[in-house]
Amino acid sequence: MPRVKRGKIALKRREKILKYTKGFKWGRKSKERAAKEALLHAWTHAYRDRKVKKRTNRALWQIQINAAVRPEGLNYSRFMSGLKKAKIEIDRKILSELARNHPEIFKEIVAKVK
């Protein structure tokens, strides 16, 4: 009986999985079963950490804003409540960028909040 080769679809599927695992360590880049398992974990972590990245960045911005307003005699929470009362609608990302790169503009904002 002649040898039967598997179809093209299965081969394409395997190649696609191994293409995704390029750069992984050990057998996880070359062995189909290990590669599938590695991808399941990798994609799970990637999905989760796209959400975590947003939380981490917001925490970083809050820390940077707090560090910038402390020398001005305020703390973070008083500064943010002052911003709301003064009806200044600038988000935390922009505020932290101003505090880092344009301290003179940031000091003007702090003066308005006071």
PDB file of N, CA and C in Angstrom:
ATOM      1  N   MET A   1       0.840  -1.185   0.000  1.00  0.00           N
ATOM      2  CA  MET A   1       0.000   0.000   0.000  1.00  0.00           C
ATOM      3  C   MET A   1       0.888   1.254   0.000  1.00  0.00           C
ATOM      4  N   PRO A   2       0.586   2.205  -0.864  1.00  0.00           N
ATOM      5  CA  PRO A   2       1.447   3.394  -0.938  1.00  0.00           C
ATOM      6  C   PRO A   2       1.265   4.310   0.290  1.00  0.00           C
ATOM      7  N   ARG A   3       2.305   5.054   0.541  1.00  0.00           N
ATOM      8  CA  ARG A   3       2.285   5.989   1.675  1.00  0.00           C
ATOM      9  C   ARG A   3       1.374   7.167   1.342  1.00  0.00           C
ATOM     10  N   VAL A   4       0.573   7.589   2.342  1.00  0.00           N
ATOM     11  CA  VAL A   4      -0.341   8.715   2.137  1.00  0.00           C
ATOM     12  C   VAL A   4       0.207   9.917   2.915  1.00  0.00           C
ATOM     13  N   LYS A   5       0.414  10.993   2.219  1.00  0.00           N
ATOM     14  CA  LYS A   5       0.871  12.212   2.880  1.00  0.00           C
ATOM     15  C   LYS A   5      -0.350  12.985   3.368  1.00  0.00           C
ATOM     16  N   ARG A   6      -0.182  13.665   4.492  1.00  0.00           N
ATOM     17  CA  ARG A   6      -1.292  14.433   5.049  1.00  0.00           C
ATOM     18  C   ARG A   6      -1.569  15.653   4.169  1.00  0.00           C
ATOM     19  N   GLY A   7      -2.755  16.224   4.347  1.00  0.00           N
ATOM     20  CA  GLY A   7      -3.171  17.340   3.516  1.00  0.00           C
ATOM     21  C   GLY A   7      -2.409  18.619   3.804  1.00  0.00           C
ATOM     22  N   LYS A   8      -2.613  19.570   2.954  1.00  0.00           N
ATOM     23  CA  LYS A   8      -1.918  20.854   3.070  1.00  0.00           C
ATOM     24  C   LYS A   8      -2.429  21.680   4.240  1.00  0.00           C
ATOM     25  N   ILE A   9      -3.715  21.481   4.586  1.00  0.00           N
ATOM     26  CA  ILE A   9      -4.317  22.302   5.636  1.00  0.00           C
ATOM     27  C   ILE A   9      -3.617  22.073   6.971  1.00  0.00           C
ATOM     28  N   ALA A  10      -3.390  20.799   7.313  1.00  0.00           N
ATOM     29  CA  ALA A  10      -2.736  20.472   8.585  1.00  0.00           C
ATOM     30  C   ALA A  10      -1.329  21.061   8.629  1.00  0.00           C
ATOM     31  N   LEU A  11      -0.623  20.960   7.522  1.00  0.00           N
ATOM     32  CA  LEU A  11       0.734  21.496   7.453  1.00  0.00           C
ATOM     33  C   LEU A  11       0.725  23.011   7.643  1.00  0.00           C
ATOM     34  N   LYS A  12      -0.236  23.678   6.980  1.00  0.00           N
ATOM     35  CA  LYS A  12      -0.327  25.137   7.116  1.00  0.00           C
ATOM     36  C   LYS A  12      -0.614  25.539   8.551  1.00  0.00           C
ATOM     37  N   ARG A  13      -1.501  24.755   9.204  1.00  0.00           N
ATOM     38  CA  ARG A  13      -1.838  25.052  10.592  1.00  0.00           C
ATOM     39  C   ARG A  13      -0.608  24.945  11.487  1.00  0.00           C
ATOM     40  N   ARG A  14       0.163  23.866  11.272  1.00  0.00           N
ATOM     41  CA  ARG A  14       1.384  23.685  12.067  1.00  0.00           C
ATOM     42  C   ARG A  14       2.383  24.815  11.815  1.00  0.00           C
ATOM     43  N   GLU A  15       2.560  25.167  10.560  1.00  0.00           N
ATOM     44  CA  GLU A  15       3.514  26.226  10.224  1.00  0.00           C
ATOM     45  C   GLU A  15       3.092  27.555  10.838  1.00  0.00           C
ATOM     46  N   LYS A  16       1.786  27.793  10.864  1.00  0.00           N
ATOM     47  CA  LYS A  16       1.281  29.045  11.439  1.00  0.00           C
ATOM     48  C   LYS A  16       1.582  29.119  12.933  1.00  0.00           C
ATOM     49  N   ILE A  17       1.359  27.998  13.624  1.00  0.00           N
ATOM     50  CA  ILE A  17       1.644  27.959  15.062  1.00  0.00           C
ATOM     51  C   ILE A  17       3.127  28.184  15.315  1.00  0.00           C
ATOM     52  N   LEU A  18       3.960  27.510  14.530  1.00  0.00           N
ATOM     53  CA  LEU A  18       5.408  27.643  14.732  1.00  0.00           C
ATOM     54  C   LEU A  18       5.902  29.031  14.339  1.00  0.00           C
ATOM     55  N   LYS A  19       5.212  29.691  13.421  1.00  0.00           N
ATOM     56  CA  LYS A  19       5.584  31.057  13.059  1.00  0.00           C
ATOM     57  C   LYS A  19       5.362  31.994  14.251  1.00  0.00           C
ATOM     58  N   TYR A  20       4.253  31.765  14.994  1.00  0.00           N
ATOM     59  CA  TYR A  20       3.959  32.605  16.157  1.00  0.00           C
ATOM     60  C   TYR A  20       4.972  32.400  17.277  1.00  0.00           C
ATOM     61  N   THR A  21       5.536  31.197  17.365  1.00  0.00           N
ATOM     62  CA  THR A  21       6.443  30.905  18.479  1.00  0.00           C
ATOM     63  C   THR A  21       7.904  31.188  18.144  1.00  0.00           C
ATOM     64  N   LYS A  22       8.154  31.862  17.041  1.00  0.00           N
ATOM     65  CA  LYS A  22       9.526  32.216  16.686  1.00  0.00           C
ATOM     66  C   LYS A  22      10.124  33.070  17.811  1.00  0.00           C
ATOM     67  N   GLY A  23      11.299  32.682  18.280  1.00  0.00           N
ATOM     68  CA  GLY A  23      11.956  33.426  19.335  1.00  0.00           C
ATOM     69  C   GLY A  23      11.705  32.857  20.714  1.00  0.00           C
ATOM     70  N   PHE A  24      10.833  31.852  20.843  1.00  0.00           N
ATOM     71  CA  PHE A  24      10.612  31.220  22.139  1.00  0.00           C
ATOM     72  C   PHE A  24      11.816  30.344  22.467  1.00  0.00           C
ATOM     73  N   LYS A  25      11.973  30.013  23.750  1.00  0.00           N
ATOM     74  CA  LYS A  25      13.111  29.200  24.174  1.00  0.00           C
ATOM     75  C   LYS A  25      12.843  27.712  23.998  1.00  0.00           C
ATOM     76  N   TRP A  26      13.925  26.966  23.904  1.00  0.00           N
ATOM     77  CA  TRP A  26      13.933  25.502  23.911  1.00  0.00           C
ATOM     78  C   TRP A  26      12.980  24.909  22.882  1.00  0.00           C
ATOM     79  N   GLY A  27      12.282  23.833  23.226  1.00  0.00           N
ATOM     80  CA  GLY A  27      11.464  23.135  22.252  1.00  0.00           C
ATOM     81  C   GLY A  27      10.166  23.836  21.934  1.00  0.00           C
ATOM     82  N   ARG A  28       9.886  24.897  22.671  1.00  0.00           N
ATOM     83  CA  ARG A  28       8.603  25.579  22.477  1.00  0.00           C
ATOM     84  C   ARG A  28       8.552  26.323  21.148  1.00  0.00           C
ATOM     85  N   LYS A  29       9.692  26.461  20.486  1.00  0.00           N
ATOM     86  CA  LYS A  29       9.695  27.129  19.182  1.00  0.00           C
ATOM     87  C   LYS A  29       9.639  26.137  18.027  1.00  0.00           C
ATOM     88  N   SER A  30       9.886  24.849  18.312  1.00  0.00           N
ATOM     89  CA  SER A  30      10.007  23.906  17.205  1.00  0.00           C
ATOM     90  C   SER A  30       9.070  22.703  17.303  1.00  0.00           C
ATOM     91  N   LYS A  31       8.614  22.372  18.501  1.00  0.00           N
ATOM     92  CA  LYS A  31       7.734  21.214  18.674  1.00  0.00           C
ATOM     93  C   LYS A  31       6.292  21.685  18.764  1.00  0.00           C
ATOM     94  N   GLU A  32       5.450  21.078  17.933  1.00  0.00           N
ATOM     95  CA  GLU A  32       4.085  21.597  17.778  1.00  0.00           C
ATOM     96  C   GLU A  32       3.309  21.615  19.095  1.00  0.00           C
ATOM     97  N   ARG A  33       3.360  20.524  19.846  1.00  0.00           N
ATOM     98  CA  ARG A  33       2.560  20.441  21.070  1.00  0.00           C
ATOM     99  C   ARG A  33       3.031  21.463  22.106  1.00  0.00           C
ATOM    100  N   ALA A  34       4.339  21.565  22.277  1.00  0.00           N
ATOM    101  CA  ALA A  34       4.900  22.532  23.224  1.00  0.00           C
ATOM    102  C   ALA A  34       4.610  23.964  22.762  1.00  0.00           C
ATOM    103  N   ALA A  35       4.648  24.173  21.456  1.00  0.00           N
ATOM    104  CA  ALA A  35       4.394  25.511  20.910  1.00  0.00           C
ATOM    105  C   ALA A  35       2.953  25.928  21.164  1.00  0.00           C
ATOM    106  N   LYS A  36       2.005  24.987  20.966  1.00  0.00           N
ATOM    107  CA  LYS A  36       0.594  25.294  21.218  1.00  0.00           C
ATOM    108  C   LYS A  36       0.375  25.698  22.663  1.00  0.00           C
ATOM    109  N   GLU A  37       0.970  24.924  23.585  1.00  0.00           N
ATOM    110  CA  GLU A  37       0.832  25.194  25.022  1.00  0.00           C
ATOM    111  C   GLU A  37       1.435  26.553  25.370  1.00  0.00           C
ATOM    112  N   ALA A  38       2.613  26.825  24.808  1.00  0.00           N
ATOM    113  CA  ALA A  38       3.288  28.096  25.075  1.00  0.00           C
ATOM    114  C   ALA A  38       2.444  29.268  24.565  1.00  0.00           C
ATOM    115  N   LEU A  39       1.832  29.098  23.400  1.00  0.00           N
ATOM    116  CA  LEU A  39       1.008  30.171  22.831  1.00  0.00           C
ATOM    117  C   LEU A  39      -0.232  30.434  23.669  1.00  0.00           C
ATOM    118  N   LEU A  40      -0.845  29.368  24.189  1.00  0.00           N
ATOM    119  CA  LEU A  40      -2.019  29.553  25.048  1.00  0.00           C
ATOM    120  C   LEU A  40      -1.672  30.448  26.234  1.00  0.00           C
ATOM    121  N   HIS A  41      -0.522  30.153  26.856  1.00  0.00           N
ATOM    122  CA  HIS A  41      -0.109  30.961  28.003  1.00  0.00           C
ATOM    123  C   HIS A  41       0.288  32.376  27.570  1.00  0.00           C
ATOM    124  N   ALA A  42       1.043  32.459  26.466  1.00  0.00           N
ATOM    125  CA  ALA A  42       1.532  33.766  26.025  1.00  0.00           C
ATOM    126  C   ALA A  42       0.382  34.700  25.694  1.00  0.00           C
ATOM    127  N   TRP A  43      -0.618  34.179  24.967  1.00  0.00           N
ATOM    128  CA  TRP A  43      -1.738  35.038  24.584  1.00  0.00           C
ATOM    129  C   TRP A  43      -2.596  35.412  25.778  1.00  0.00           C
ATOM    130  N   THR A  44      -2.695  34.514  26.764  1.00  0.00           N
ATOM    131  CA  THR A  44      -3.435  34.826  27.990  1.00  0.00           C
ATOM    132  C   THR A  44      -2.768  35.986  28.723  1.00  0.00           C
ATOM    133  N   HIS A  45      -1.442  35.880  28.870  1.00  0.00           N
ATOM    134  CA  HIS A  45      -0.709  36.945  29.561  1.00  0.00           C
ATOM    135  C   HIS A  45      -0.777  38.257  28.787  1.00  0.00           C
ATOM    136  N   ALA A  46      -0.699  38.172  27.467  1.00  0.00           N
ATOM    137  CA  ALA A  46      -0.732  39.385  26.650  1.00  0.00           C
ATOM    138  C   ALA A  46      -2.072  40.098  26.803  1.00  0.00           C
ATOM    139  N   TYR A  47      -3.162  39.328  26.775  1.00  0.00           N
ATOM    140  CA  TYR A  47      -4.498  39.921  26.929  1.00  0.00           C
ATOM    141  C   TYR A  47      -4.637  40.573  28.299  1.00  0.00           C
ATOM    142  N   ARG A  48      -4.226  39.844  29.334  1.00  0.00           N
ATOM    143  CA  ARG A  48      -4.332  40.367  30.695  1.00  0.00           C
ATOM    144  C   ARG A  48      -3.471  41.622  30.866  1.00  0.00           C
ATOM    145  N   ASP A  49      -2.253  41.580  30.353  1.00  0.00           N
ATOM    146  CA  ASP A  49      -1.322  42.673  30.607  1.00  0.00           C
ATOM    147  C   ASP A  49      -1.612  43.915  29.780  1.00  0.00           C
ATOM    148  N   ARG A  50      -2.413  43.779  28.722  1.00  0.00           N
ATOM    149  CA  ARG A  50      -2.868  44.999  28.040  1.00  0.00           C
ATOM    150  C   ARG A  50      -3.774  45.792  28.956  1.00  0.00           C
ATOM    151  N   LYS A  51      -4.521  45.110  29.826  1.00  0.00           N
ATOM    152  CA  LYS A  51      -5.364  45.799  30.811  1.00  0.00           C
ATOM    153  C   LYS A  51      -4.508  46.339  31.961  1.00  0.00           C
ATOM    154  N   VAL A  52      -3.548  45.524  32.396  1.00  0.00           N
ATOM    155  CA  VAL A  52      -2.686  45.908  33.522  1.00  0.00           C
ATOM    156  C   VAL A  52      -1.847  47.131  33.161  1.00  0.00           C
ATOM    157  N   LYS A  53      -1.442  47.230  31.876  1.00  0.00           N
ATOM    158  CA  LYS A  53      -0.613  48.358  31.433  1.00  0.00           C
ATOM    159  C   LYS A  53      -1.308  49.690  31.689  1.00  0.00           C
ATOM    160  N   LYS A  54      -2.625  49.723  31.460  1.00  0.00           N
ATOM    161  CA  LYS A  54      -3.384  50.950  31.673  1.00  0.00           C
ATOM    162  C   LYS A  54      -3.370  51.344  33.153  1.00  0.00           C
ATOM    163  N   ARG A  55      -3.542  50.340  34.040  1.00  0.00           N
ATOM    164  CA  ARG A  55      -3.510  50.608  35.482  1.00  0.00           C
ATOM    165  C   ARG A  55      -2.141  51.091  35.916  1.00  0.00           C
ATOM    166  N   THR A  56      -1.101  50.426  35.405  1.00  0.00           N
ATOM    167  CA  THR A  56       0.267  50.764  35.788  1.00  0.00           C
ATOM    168  C   THR A  56       0.622  52.186  35.354  1.00  0.00           C
ATOM    169  N   ASN A  57       0.240  52.541  34.124  1.00  0.00           N
ATOM    170  CA  ASN A  57       0.542  53.885  33.628  1.00  0.00           C
ATOM    171  C   ASN A  57      -0.172  54.945  34.451  1.00  0.00           C
ATOM    172  N   ARG A  58      -1.444  54.710  34.785  1.00  0.00           N
ATOM    173  CA  ARG A  58      -2.181  55.689  35.574  1.00  0.00           C
ATOM    174  C   ARG A  58      -1.527  55.884  36.945  1.00  0.00           C
ATOM    175  N   ALA A  59      -1.092  54.780  37.565  1.00  0.00           N
ATOM    176  CA  ALA A  59      -0.408  54.875  38.862  1.00  0.00           C
ATOM    177  C   ALA A  59       0.883  55.678  38.727  1.00  0.00           C
ATOM    178  N   LEU A  60       1.611  55.466  37.636  1.00  0.00           N
ATOM    179  CA  LEU A  60       2.856  56.195  37.403  1.00  0.00           C
ATOM    180  C   LEU A  60       2.588  57.692  37.252  1.00  0.00           C
ATOM    181  N   TRP A  61       1.523  58.024  36.478  1.00  0.00           N
ATOM    182  CA  TRP A  61       1.187  59.441  36.295  1.00  0.00           C
ATOM    183  C   TRP A  61       0.825  60.079  37.628  1.00  0.00           C
ATOM    184  N   GLN A  62       0.093  59.373  38.459  1.00  0.00           N
ATOM    185  CA  GLN A  62      -0.298  59.924  39.766  1.00  0.00           C
ATOM    186  C   GLN A  62       0.928  60.195  40.625  1.00  0.00           C
ATOM    187  N   ILE A  63       1.885  59.276  40.597  1.00  0.00           N
ATOM    188  CA  ILE A  63       3.114  59.448  41.374  1.00  0.00           C
ATOM    189  C   ILE A  63       3.894  60.663  40.878  1.00  0.00           C
ATOM    190  N   GLN A  64       3.976  60.812  39.557  1.00  0.00           N
ATOM    191  CA  GLN A  64       4.730  61.937  38.985  1.00  0.00           C
ATOM    192  C   GLN A  64       4.061  63.275  39.313  1.00  0.00           C
ATOM    193  N   ILE A  65       2.733  63.310  39.244  1.00  0.00           N
ATOM    194  CA  ILE A  65       2.007  64.547  39.575  1.00  0.00           C
ATOM    195  C   ILE A  65       2.211  64.881  41.042  1.00  0.00           C
ATOM    196  N   ASN A  66       2.106  63.875  41.901  1.00  0.00           N
ATOM    197  CA  ASN A  66       2.277  64.095  43.336  1.00  0.00           C
ATOM    198  C   ASN A  66       3.670  64.638  43.635  1.00  0.00           C
ATOM    199  N   ALA A  67       4.689  64.053  42.987  1.00  0.00           N
ATOM    200  CA  ALA A  67       6.066  64.514  43.197  1.00  0.00           C
ATOM    201  C   ALA A  67       6.242  65.948  42.724  1.00  0.00           C
ATOM    202  N   ALA A  68       5.495  66.347  41.689  1.00  0.00           N
ATOM    203  CA  ALA A  68       5.643  67.706  41.156  1.00  0.00           C
ATOM    204  C   ALA A  68       4.902  68.739  41.996  1.00  0.00           C
ATOM    205  N   VAL A  69       3.793  68.362  42.632  1.00  0.00           N
ATOM    206  CA  VAL A  69       3.023  69.358  43.395  1.00  0.00           C
ATOM    207  C   VAL A  69       3.486  69.477  44.839  1.00  0.00           C
ATOM    208  N   ARG A  70       4.231  68.511  45.345  1.00  0.00           N
ATOM    209  CA  ARG A  70       4.721  68.583  46.734  1.00  0.00           C
ATOM    210  C   ARG A  70       5.549  69.848  47.017  1.00  0.00           C
ATOM    211  N   PRO A  71       6.513  70.191  46.143  1.00  0.00           N
ATOM    212  CA  PRO A  71       7.274  71.423  46.421  1.00  0.00           C
ATOM    213  C   PRO A  71       6.405  72.692  46.389  1.00  0.00           C
ATOM    214  N   GLU A  72       5.249  72.613  45.740  1.00  0.00           N
ATOM    215  CA  GLU A  72       4.352  73.775  45.657  1.00  0.00           C
ATOM    216  C   GLU A  72       3.438  73.872  46.877  1.00  0.00           C
ATOM    217  N   GLY A  73       3.595  72.966  47.817  1.00  0.00           N
ATOM    218  CA  GLY A  73       2.820  73.030  49.052  1.00  0.00           C
ATOM    219  C   GLY A  73       1.466  72.336  48.969  1.00  0.00           C
ATOM    220  N   LEU A  74       1.289  71.461  48.023  1.00  0.00           N
ATOM    221  CA  LEU A  74       0.042  70.695  47.884  1.00  0.00           C
ATOM    222  C   LEU A  74       0.374  69.214  47.887  1.00  0.00           C
ATOM    223  N   ASN A  75      -0.672  68.396  48.019  1.00  0.00           N
ATOM    224  CA  ASN A  75      -0.484  66.973  47.754  1.00  0.00           C
ATOM    225  C   ASN A  75      -1.381  66.594  46.584  1.00  0.00           C
ATOM    226  N   TYR A  76      -1.288  65.347  46.163  1.00  0.00           N
ATOM    227  CA  TYR A  76      -1.980  64.910  44.953  1.00  0.00           C
ATOM    228  C   TYR A  76      -3.492  65.086  45.064  1.00  0.00           C
ATOM    229  N   SER A  77      -4.068  64.625  46.162  1.00  0.00           N
ATOM    230  CA  SER A  77      -5.535  64.637  46.261  1.00  0.00           C
ATOM    231  C   SER A  77      -6.078  66.069  46.315  1.00  0.00           C
ATOM    232  N   ARG A  78      -5.394  66.945  47.048  1.00  0.00           N
ATOM    233  CA  ARG A  78      -5.850  68.350  47.100  1.00  0.00           C
ATOM    234  C   ARG A  78      -5.704  69.010  45.738  1.00  0.00           C
ATOM    235  N   PHE A  79      -4.622  68.680  45.047  1.00  0.00           N
ATOM    236  CA  PHE A  79      -4.394  69.240  43.714  1.00  0.00           C
ATOM    237  C   PHE A  79      -5.491  68.809  42.745  1.00  0.00           C
ATOM    238  N   MET A  80      -5.839  67.520  42.750  1.00  0.00           N
ATOM    239  CA  MET A  80      -6.864  67.010  41.837  1.00  0.00           C
ATOM    240  C   MET A  80      -8.240  67.583  42.163  1.00  0.00           C
ATOM    241  N   SER A  81      -8.549  67.712  43.452  1.00  0.00           N
ATOM    242  CA  SER A  81      -9.850  68.307  43.795  1.00  0.00           C
ATOM    243  C   SER A  81      -9.879  69.781  43.422  1.00  0.00           C
ATOM    244  N   GLY A  82      -8.730  70.465  43.566  1.00  0.00           N
ATOM    245  CA  GLY A  82      -8.634  71.856  43.139  1.00  0.00           C
ATOM    246  C   GLY A  82      -8.814  72.015  41.636  1.00  0.00           C
ATOM    247  N   LEU A  83      -8.284  71.075  40.886  1.00  0.00           N
ATOM    248  CA  LEU A  83      -8.463  71.093  39.430  1.00  0.00           C
ATOM    249  C   LEU A  83      -9.942  70.995  39.066  1.00  0.00           C
ATOM    250  N   LYS A  84     -10.651  70.114  39.749  1.00  0.00           N
ATOM    251  CA  LYS A  84     -12.068  69.933  39.452  1.00  0.00           C
ATOM    252  C   LYS A  84     -12.865  71.179  39.806  1.00  0.00           C
ATOM    253  N   LYS A  85     -12.527  71.798  40.962  1.00  0.00           N
ATOM    254  CA  LYS A  85     -13.233  73.012  41.384  1.00  0.00           C
ATOM    255  C   LYS A  85     -12.948  74.176  40.441  1.00  0.00           C
ATOM    256  N   ALA A  86     -11.708  74.239  39.936  1.00  0.00           N
ATOM    257  CA  ALA A  86     -11.336  75.299  39.000  1.00  0.00           C
ATOM    258  C   ALA A  86     -11.800  74.992  37.573  1.00  0.00           C
ATOM    259  N   LYS A  87     -12.428  73.838  37.387  1.00  0.00           N
ATOM    260  CA  LYS A  87     -12.941  73.397  36.084  1.00  0.00           C
ATOM    261  C   LYS A  87     -11.840  73.339  35.020  1.00  0.00           C
ATOM    262  N   ILE A  88     -10.682  72.838  35.440  1.00  0.00           N
ATOM    263  CA  ILE A  88      -9.579  72.607  34.508  1.00  0.00           C
ATOM    264  C   ILE A  88      -9.617  71.123  34.156  1.00  0.00           C
ATOM    265  N   GLU A  89      -9.905  70.814  32.907  1.00  0.00           N
ATOM    266  CA  GLU A  89     -10.061  69.422  32.488  1.00  0.00           C
ATOM    267  C   GLU A  89      -8.836  68.958  31.700  1.00  0.00           C
ATOM    268  N   ILE A  90      -7.778  68.626  32.423  1.00  0.00           N
ATOM    269  CA  ILE A  90      -6.581  68.050  31.813  1.00  0.00           C
ATOM    270  C   ILE A  90      -6.388  66.683  32.454  1.00  0.00           C
ATOM    271  N   ASP A  91      -6.174  65.667  31.627  1.00  0.00           N
ATOM    272  CA  ASP A  91      -6.040  64.329  32.206  1.00  0.00           C
ATOM    273  C   ASP A  91      -4.663  64.122  32.820  1.00  0.00           C
ATOM    274  N   ARG A  92      -4.552  63.030  33.571  1.00  0.00           N
ATOM    275  CA  ARG A  92      -3.341  62.774  34.347  1.00  0.00           C
ATOM    276  C   ARG A  92      -2.120  62.561  33.454  1.00  0.00           C
ATOM    277  N   LYS A  93      -2.329  61.956  32.295  1.00  0.00           N
ATOM    278  CA  LYS A  93      -1.201  61.709  31.388  1.00  0.00           C
ATOM    279  C   LYS A  93      -0.562  63.031  30.964  1.00  0.00           C
ATOM    280  N   ILE A  94      -1.394  63.974  30.568  1.00  0.00           N
ATOM    281  CA  ILE A  94      -0.882  65.274  30.115  1.00  0.00           C
ATOM    282  C   ILE A  94      -0.275  66.050  31.285  1.00  0.00           C
ATOM    283  N   LEU A  95      -0.921  65.985  32.451  1.00  0.00           N
ATOM    284  CA  LEU A  95      -0.387  66.676  33.623  1.00  0.00           C
ATOM    285  C   LEU A  95       1.009  66.166  33.984  1.00  0.00           C
ATOM    286  N   SER A  96       1.185  64.843  33.956  1.00  0.00           N
ATOM    287  CA  SER A  96       2.501  64.301  34.306  1.00  0.00           C
ATOM    288  C   SER A  96       3.547  64.690  33.260  1.00  0.00           C
ATOM    289  N   GLU A  97       3.118  64.737  31.995  1.00  0.00           N
ATOM    290  CA  GLU A  97       4.041  65.158  30.940  1.00  0.00           C
ATOM    291  C   GLU A  97       4.435  66.625  31.125  1.00  0.00           C
ATOM    292  N   LEU A  98       3.454  67.459  31.469  1.00  0.00           N
ATOM    293  CA  LEU A  98       3.758  68.866  31.735  1.00  0.00           C
ATOM    294  C   LEU A  98       4.704  69.000  32.923  1.00  0.00           C
ATOM    295  N   ALA A  99       4.459  68.214  33.961  1.00  0.00           N
ATOM    296  CA  ALA A  99       5.307  68.287  35.160  1.00  0.00           C
ATOM    297  C   ALA A  99       6.747  67.894  34.837  1.00  0.00           C
ATOM    298  N   ARG A 100       6.915  66.922  33.962  1.00  0.00           N
ATOM    299  CA  ARG A 100       8.262  66.464  33.618  1.00  0.00           C
ATOM    300  C   ARG A 100       8.955  67.377  32.622  1.00  0.00           C
ATOM    301  N   ASN A 101       8.247  67.754  31.542  1.00  0.00           N
ATOM    302  CA  ASN A 101       8.905  68.421  30.424  1.00  0.00           C
ATOM    303  C   ASN A 101       8.723  69.940  30.395  1.00  0.00           C
ATOM    304  N   HIS A 102       7.653  70.441  31.002  1.00  0.00           N
ATOM    305  CA  HIS A 102       7.368  71.870  30.987  1.00  0.00           C
ATOM    306  C   HIS A 102       6.974  72.341  32.394  1.00  0.00           C
ATOM    307  N   PRO A 103       7.942  72.386  33.312  1.00  0.00           N
ATOM    308  CA  PRO A 103       7.603  72.726  34.700  1.00  0.00           C
ATOM    309  C   PRO A 103       7.028  74.136  34.870  1.00  0.00           C
ATOM    310  N   GLU A 104       7.413  75.073  34.006  1.00  0.00           N
ATOM    311  CA  GLU A 104       6.892  76.442  34.154  1.00  0.00           C
ATOM    312  C   GLU A 104       5.386  76.481  33.865  1.00  0.00           C
ATOM    313  N   ILE A 105       4.936  75.752  32.857  1.00  0.00           N
ATOM    314  CA  ILE A 105       3.494  75.683  32.560  1.00  0.00           C
ATOM    315  C   ILE A 105       2.767  74.976  33.686  1.00  0.00           C
ATOM    316  N   PHE A 106       3.387  73.916  34.210  1.00  0.00           N
ATOM    317  CA  PHE A 106       2.762  73.172  35.308  1.00  0.00           C
ATOM    318  C   PHE A 106       2.604  74.053  36.545  1.00  0.00           C
ATOM    319  N   LYS A 107       3.604  74.912  36.797  1.00  0.00           N
ATOM    320  CA  LYS A 107       3.512  75.816  37.958  1.00  0.00           C
ATOM    321  C   LYS A 107       2.367  76.812  37.796  1.00  0.00           C
ATOM    322  N   GLU A 108       2.115  77.235  36.569  1.00  0.00           N
ATOM    323  CA  GLU A 108       0.965  78.129  36.319  1.00  0.00           C
ATOM    324  C   GLU A 108      -0.342  77.422  36.643  1.00  0.00           C
ATOM    325  N   ILE A 109      -0.445  76.166  36.275  1.00  0.00           N
ATOM    326  CA  ILE A 109      -1.659  75.391  36.562  1.00  0.00           C
ATOM    327  C   ILE A 109      -1.824  75.251  38.079  1.00  0.00           C
ATOM    328  N   VAL A 110      -0.724  74.958  38.768  1.00  0.00           N
ATOM    329  CA  VAL A 110      -0.781  74.826  40.231  1.00  0.00           C
ATOM    330  C   VAL A 110      -1.217  76.147  40.866  1.00  0.00           C
ATOM    331  N   ALA A 111      -0.719  77.270  40.338  1.00  0.00           N
ATOM    332  CA  ALA A 111      -1.105  78.586  40.866  1.00  0.00           C
ATOM    333  C   ALA A 111      -2.606  78.826  40.700  1.00  0.00           C
ATOM    334  N   LYS A 112      -3.178  78.413  39.569  1.00  0.00           N
ATOM    335  CA  LYS A 112      -4.615  78.563  39.368  1.00  0.00           C
ATOM    336  C   LYS A 112      -5.399  77.687  40.333  1.00  0.00           C
ATOM    337  N   VAL A 113      -4.872  76.512  40.613  1.00  0.00           N
ATOM    338  CA  VAL A 113      -5.566  75.595  41.526  1.00  0.00           C
ATOM    339  C   VAL A 113      -5.548  76.140  42.940  1.00  0.00           C
ATOM    340  N   LYS A 114      -4.440  76.757  43.344  1.00  0.00           N
ATOM    341  CA  LYS A 114      -4.359  77.339  44.688  1.00  0.00           C
ATOM    342  C   LYS A 114      -5.358  78.480  44.809  1.00  0.00           C
TER     343      LYS A 114
END
